[in-house]
Protein backbone atom coordinates (compact mmCIF):
# COMPACT_ATOMS: atom_id res chain seq x y z
CA MET A 1 0.00 0.00 0.00
CA THR A 2 1.31 3.44 -0.95
CA THR A 3 1.32 5.88 1.98
CA GLN A 4 0.73 9.61 1.69
CA THR A 5 4.32 10.17 2.85
CA ASN A 6 5.60 8.08 -0.05
CA LEU A 7 3.37 9.97 -2.50
CA THR A 8 4.68 13.29 -1.22
CA ALA A 9 8.30 12.19 -1.58
CA ALA A 10 7.63 10.90 -5.08
CA MET A 11 6.10 14.25 -6.04
CA GLY A 12 9.21 16.29 -5.25
CA GLY A 13 8.54 16.83 -1.56
CA PRO A 14 6.26 19.36 0.15
CA PHE A 15 6.11 23.16 0.05
CA THR A 16 3.88 25.33 2.23
CA LEU A 17 2.64 28.57 0.69
CA PRO A 18 3.68 31.50 2.93
CA ASN A 19 1.31 32.48 5.73
CA THR A 20 -1.18 29.80 4.70
CA SER A 21 -2.19 26.31 5.79
CA MET A 22 -1.76 25.09 2.21
CA THR A 23 1.00 22.52 1.74
CA VAL A 24 1.37 21.13 -1.76
CA ASN A 25 3.68 18.64 -3.42
CA ARG A 26 6.23 20.41 -5.60
CA MET A 27 5.27 18.38 -8.67
CA GLY A 28 1.87 19.67 -9.75
CA TYR A 29 -0.16 19.69 -12.94
CA GLY A 30 -0.99 22.47 -15.40
CA ALA A 31 -4.43 22.08 -16.99
CA MET A 32 -4.02 24.36 -20.02
CA GLN A 33 -3.59 21.52 -22.50
CA LEU A 34 -6.89 19.92 -21.53
CA ALA A 35 -8.68 22.35 -23.86
CA GLY A 36 -8.73 21.96 -27.63
CA PRO A 37 -6.06 23.06 -30.12
CA HIS A 38 -4.62 26.51 -29.35
CA VAL A 39 -6.19 26.24 -25.87
CA PHE A 40 -9.57 26.87 -27.47
CA GLY A 41 -12.76 24.86 -27.51
CA PRO A 42 -13.36 21.34 -26.21
CA PRO A 43 -10.68 18.63 -26.15
CA ARG A 44 -10.38 16.16 -28.99
CA ASP A 45 -10.92 13.34 -26.48
CA MET A 46 -12.97 14.19 -23.37
CA ASP A 47 -12.48 10.75 -21.79
CA ALA A 48 -8.71 11.14 -22.09
CA ALA A 49 -8.85 14.60 -20.48
CA LEU A 50 -10.85 13.27 -17.53
CA ALA A 51 -8.47 10.31 -17.19
CA VAL A 52 -5.39 12.58 -17.01
CA LEU A 53 -6.83 14.55 -14.10
CA ARG A 54 -7.88 11.45 -12.18
CA GLU A 55 -4.51 9.81 -12.80
CA ALA A 56 -2.70 12.93 -11.55
CA ILE A 57 -4.62 12.93 -8.28
CA ALA A 58 -4.13 9.17 -7.83
CA ALA A 59 -0.37 9.64 -8.32
CA GLY A 60 -0.16 12.23 -5.53
CA VAL A 61 -0.58 15.56 -7.33
CA ASN A 62 -2.39 18.00 -5.05
CA HIS A 63 -1.79 21.28 -6.91
CA ILE A 64 -3.56 22.04 -10.19
CA ASP A 65 -2.97 25.22 -12.15
CA THR A 66 -5.80 26.43 -14.37
CA SER A 67 -7.72 29.46 -15.61
CA ASP A 68 -11.22 30.08 -16.83
CA PHE A 69 -9.83 31.73 -19.96
CA TYR A 70 -8.44 28.35 -21.03
CA GLY A 71 -11.01 27.20 -23.53
CA PRO A 72 -12.55 29.58 -22.42
CA HIS A 73 -14.42 27.87 -19.54
CA VAL A 74 -13.61 24.42 -20.93
CA THR A 75 -10.68 23.49 -18.71
CA ASN A 76 -12.39 24.40 -15.45
CA GLN A 77 -15.52 22.52 -16.47
CA ILE A 78 -13.41 19.42 -17.16
CA ILE A 79 -11.71 19.73 -13.76
CA LYS A 80 -15.10 19.94 -12.08
CA GLN A 81 -16.46 16.97 -14.02
CA ALA A 82 -13.41 14.84 -13.26
CA LEU A 83 -12.75 15.68 -9.61
CA HIS A 84 -15.72 17.37 -7.91
CA PRO A 85 -16.30 16.99 -4.99
CA TYR A 86 -12.62 17.74 -4.62
CA PRO A 87 -10.36 15.61 -2.42
CA ASP A 88 -9.12 17.09 0.84
CA GLY A 89 -5.85 18.93 0.43
CA LEU A 90 -6.23 19.67 -3.29
CA VAL A 91 -5.16 23.25 -4.05
CA ILE A 92 -6.51 24.74 -7.29
CA VAL A 93 -4.64 27.84 -8.44
CA THR A 94 -6.32 29.92 -11.12
CA LYS A 95 -5.63 33.24 -12.79
CA VAL A 96 -7.50 36.25 -14.12
CA GLY A 97 -6.49 39.20 -16.26
CA ALA A 98 -7.15 37.95 -19.79
CA ARG A 99 -9.98 36.75 -22.01
CA ARG A 100 -10.21 34.98 -25.35
CA GLY A 101 -11.41 36.53 -28.58
CA LYS A 102 -13.54 34.59 -31.03
CA ASP A 103 -10.46 34.50 -33.26
CA LYS A 104 -8.61 32.60 -30.47
CA SER A 105 -6.63 35.72 -29.54
CA TRP A 106 -5.53 36.50 -25.97
CA ILE A 107 -6.92 39.85 -24.85
CA PRO A 108 -6.04 41.71 -21.62
CA ALA A 109 -9.02 41.87 -19.25
CA LEU A 110 -7.91 44.03 -16.34
CA SER A 111 -10.85 46.38 -15.82
CA ARG A 112 -12.70 46.19 -12.52
CA GLN A 113 -15.73 44.48 -14.03
CA GLU A 114 -13.67 42.04 -16.10
CA LEU A 115 -11.77 40.94 -13.00
CA ILE A 116 -14.95 40.53 -10.95
CA ASP A 117 -16.54 38.57 -13.80
CA GLY A 118 -13.40 36.45 -14.13
CA VAL A 119 -13.44 35.46 -10.46
CA HIS A 120 -17.13 34.57 -10.61
CA ASP A 121 -16.61 32.57 -13.82
CA ASN A 122 -13.89 30.56 -12.07
CA LEU A 123 -16.10 29.96 -9.04
CA ARG A 124 -19.04 28.81 -11.14
CA ASN A 125 -17.16 26.57 -13.55
CA LEU A 126 -15.03 24.95 -10.83
CA GLY A 127 -18.06 24.50 -8.57
CA LEU A 128 -16.51 26.38 -5.65
CA ASP A 129 -17.67 29.08 -3.26
CA LYS A 130 -14.09 30.24 -2.58
CA LEU A 131 -10.98 30.08 -4.75
CA ASP A 132 -7.76 28.81 -3.12
CA VAL A 133 -5.33 31.07 -4.98
CA VAL A 134 -5.96 33.62 -7.73
CA ASN A 135 -3.05 34.95 -9.75
CA LEU A 136 -3.36 38.38 -11.34
CA ARG A 137 -1.85 38.06 -14.81
CA VAL A 138 -0.37 41.25 -16.23
CA GLY A 139 2.51 42.04 -18.62
CA GLY A 140 2.54 41.31 -22.33
CA ILE A 141 2.99 38.42 -24.71
CA GLU A 142 6.75 38.87 -24.71
CA GLY A 143 6.98 38.93 -20.91
CA PRO A 144 6.57 41.30 -17.98
CA LYS A 145 6.27 45.04 -18.56
CA GLU A 146 6.85 47.62 -15.85
CA GLY A 147 3.74 49.54 -14.91
CA SER A 148 1.36 49.94 -12.02
CA ILE A 149 -0.67 46.91 -10.94
CA GLU A 150 -2.39 48.84 -8.16
CA GLU A 151 -5.85 49.10 -9.70
CA PRO A 152 -6.38 45.47 -10.71
CA LEU A 153 -4.75 44.03 -7.59
CA THR A 154 -6.88 46.28 -5.39
CA VAL A 155 -9.98 44.76 -7.02
CA LEU A 156 -8.79 41.24 -6.20
CA ALA A 157 -7.91 42.28 -2.65
CA GLU A 158 -11.50 43.50 -2.25
CA LEU A 159 -12.83 40.15 -3.48
CA GLN A 160 -10.47 38.45 -1.04
CA ARG A 161 -11.92 40.48 1.83
CA GLN A 162 -15.40 39.50 0.64
CA GLY A 163 -14.43 35.85 1.14
CA LEU A 164 -14.32 34.80 -2.53
CA ILE A 165 -10.53 34.29 -2.64
CA ARG A 166 -8.26 32.78 0.01
CA HIS A 167 -4.87 33.93 -1.28
CA LEU A 168 -3.39 36.05 -4.06
CA GLY A 169 -0.51 35.59 -6.46
CA LEU A 170 0.94 37.42 -9.46
CA SER A 171 1.82 36.24 -12.95
CA ASN A 172 4.09 37.73 -15.61
CA VAL A 173 5.47 40.40 -13.30
CA THR A 174 8.73 42.12 -12.37
CA PRO A 175 10.36 42.28 -8.93
CA LYS A 176 9.23 45.91 -8.59
CA GLN A 177 5.63 44.95 -9.34
CA LEU A 178 5.82 42.30 -6.63
CA ALA A 179 7.14 44.84 -4.11
CA ASP A 180 4.38 47.28 -5.06
CA GLY A 181 1.78 44.52 -4.88
CA GLN A 182 2.87 43.49 -1.41
CA LYS A 183 1.84 46.95 -0.18
CA ILE A 184 -1.73 46.07 -1.21
CA ALA A 185 -2.03 42.41 -0.17
CA PRO A 186 0.14 39.43 0.83
CA ILE A 187 1.43 37.55 -2.23
CA VAL A 188 1.92 33.78 -1.89
CA CYS A 189 3.23 32.88 -5.35
CA ILE A 190 4.72 34.19 -8.58
CA GLN A 191 4.12 32.58 -11.97
CA ASN A 192 6.54 33.69 -14.68
CA LEU A 193 8.20 32.20 -17.75
CA TYR A 194 11.26 30.22 -16.70
CA ASN A 195 13.04 27.04 -17.77
CA VAL A 196 16.54 25.65 -18.17
CA ALA A 197 17.05 27.74 -21.35
CA HIS A 198 15.17 30.89 -20.27
CA ARG A 199 16.85 32.16 -17.11
CA THR A 200 15.83 35.83 -16.87
CA ASP A 201 14.36 35.34 -13.39
CA ASP A 202 17.41 33.76 -11.73
CA ALA A 203 17.91 36.61 -9.24
CA PHE A 204 14.15 37.02 -8.74
CA ILE A 205 13.83 33.35 -7.74
CA GLU A 206 16.58 33.77 -5.15
CA ASP A 207 14.81 36.75 -3.62
CA LEU A 208 11.47 34.93 -3.56
CA ALA A 209 13.07 31.93 -1.86
CA LYS A 210 14.34 34.20 0.93
CA GLN A 211 10.77 35.43 1.40
CA GLY A 212 9.32 31.91 1.29
CA ILE A 213 7.23 32.78 -1.77
CA ALA A 214 6.51 30.00 -4.27
CA TYR A 215 7.71 30.35 -7.86
CA MET A 216 5.71 28.43 -10.46
CA PRO A 217 7.44 28.57 -13.85
CA PHE A 218 5.09 28.49 -16.79
CA PHE A 219 6.34 26.85 -19.98
CA PRO A 220 8.82 24.75 -17.92
CA LEU A 221 9.41 22.66 -21.06
CA GLY A 222 9.46 25.57 -23.50
CA GLY A 223 5.73 25.91 -24.11
CA PHE A 224 4.63 26.25 -27.73
CA THR A 225 8.30 25.90 -28.79
CA PRO A 226 9.65 22.85 -26.94
CA LEU A 227 13.15 23.04 -25.52
CA GLN A 228 15.94 21.93 -27.82
CA SER A 229 19.46 21.49 -26.52
CA SER A 230 22.30 19.13 -27.31
CA THR A 231 23.37 19.34 -23.67
CA LEU A 232 19.88 18.30 -22.57
CA ASP A 233 19.91 15.42 -25.06
CA LYS A 234 23.31 14.24 -23.84
CA ALA A 235 22.28 14.37 -20.18
CA ALA A 236 19.07 12.48 -20.94
CA ALA A 237 20.93 9.72 -22.76
CA SER A 238 23.39 9.27 -19.88
CA LEU A 239 20.56 9.09 -17.33
CA LYS A 240 18.29 6.89 -19.46
CA ALA A 241 15.61 9.57 -19.27
CA THR A 242 13.93 11.92 -21.73
CA PRO A 243 15.22 15.48 -22.29
CA MET A 244 11.97 16.84 -20.84
CA GLN A 245 12.35 14.76 -17.68
CA VAL A 246 15.85 16.16 -17.24
CA ALA A 247 14.55 19.72 -17.75
CA LEU A 248 11.90 19.19 -15.05
CA ALA A 249 14.37 17.57 -12.65
CA TRP A 250 16.73 20.52 -13.14
CA LEU A 251 13.95 22.92 -12.11
CA LEU A 252 13.23 20.95 -8.93
CA HIS A 253 16.94 21.08 -8.12
CA ARG A 254 17.22 24.77 -9.00
CA SER A 255 15.50 26.13 -5.90
CA PRO A 256 13.30 24.66 -3.14
CA ASN A 257 10.56 27.24 -3.73
CA ILE A 258 10.01 26.16 -7.36
CA LEU A 259 6.73 24.30 -7.88
CA LEU A 260 6.22 22.57 -11.23
CA ILE A 261 3.02 22.63 -13.27
CA PRO A 262 3.84 20.80 -16.53
CA GLY A 263 0.77 20.17 -18.65
CA THR A 264 -0.32 17.36 -20.92
CA SER A 265 -3.49 15.78 -22.26
CA SER A 266 -1.97 12.27 -22.28
CA VAL A 267 -1.85 9.84 -19.34
CA ALA A 268 1.39 8.34 -20.66
CA HIS A 269 3.02 11.77 -20.90
CA LEU A 270 1.69 12.68 -17.45
CA ARG A 271 3.38 9.61 -15.95
CA GLU A 272 6.60 10.53 -17.73
CA ASN A 273 6.49 14.07 -16.34
CA LEU A 274 5.75 12.92 -12.79
CA ALA A 275 8.62 10.42 -12.90
CA ALA A 276 11.01 13.36 -13.30
CA ALA A 277 10.55 14.09 -9.58
CA ASN A 278 12.56 10.93 -8.81
CA LEU A 279 15.37 11.64 -11.29
CA GLN A 280 18.69 12.24 -9.54
CA LEU A 281 21.02 14.63 -11.38
CA PRO A 282 24.77 14.18 -10.75
CA PRO A 283 26.60 17.43 -9.84
CA GLU A 284 28.53 17.44 -13.11
CA THR A 285 25.28 17.14 -15.07
CA ILE A 286 23.79 20.09 -13.19
CA THR A 287 26.90 22.14 -13.99
CA GLU A 288 26.51 21.35 -17.70
CA LEU A 289 22.78 22.07 -17.69
CA ASN A 290 23.37 25.43 -16.02
CA LEU A 291 25.22 26.52 -19.18
CA ILE A 292 22.31 25.83 -21.56
CA GLY A 293 21.11 29.43 -21.49
CA SER A 294 24.33 30.46 -23.23
CA GLU A 295 24.17 27.78 -25.95
CA PRO A 296 23.75 28.86 -29.59
CA LYS A 297 20.09 28.72 -30.57
CA HIS A 298 19.03 25.89 -32.89
């Protein structure tokens, strides 16, 4: 019989979000790919989507990242269908700040009413009366952009006081925006683009670790352009693993406050991702992988 302690160890070990009672396993699951192509419309195979979520929970995942603008609405509805009533200890992290156009575009949605509507859409489609964590997504397609986040974050802080949100996070932000945001409300997590080849946030991660704030890298495997690296390929061959498993294992090693949310719509690929939590990287391999960011681009 598999104990909860064994499940936790197999999922990268525990992390407690700051000033909360929420402890999650560091290996989580990102639900974006449950929607159809281009994160729009229903999945090609609904049964497969439901199976992935149930398999993730059975394996020990207790942190799911989602948003109601995935689909839109589709991903959260699948999560509800697969898992509601939710198991004790499951933490669902969602985000607001964008909406989808009919042409599948991603449109900023940061007005007061759009944020209120976004929170209520998440509540309804997930079947919840309170959201565990809501990330305010700002910035642009190319990454964070400096600028005030006071107005939108103040709206979410009001909804938090109303009892609709337990905790707040930020996505696609700069260190200054975090510092400014902390004057408005406690921030428990940051979700930015980061992976073994995209290392812009190295110093930011160190600062967050000192504060005990979780860092959840999106596109940990490169996103719409999967990681390609001869160093990654070489390390994978020596460890009898896949390059993507090595990339995930490197992130878990990188800093204890990094929580992983790789996504997939395949049970087989899910199992492969989760197995990365048990992959031991020799020191010399880590040294080589640390140099990937300076490799010539393919």
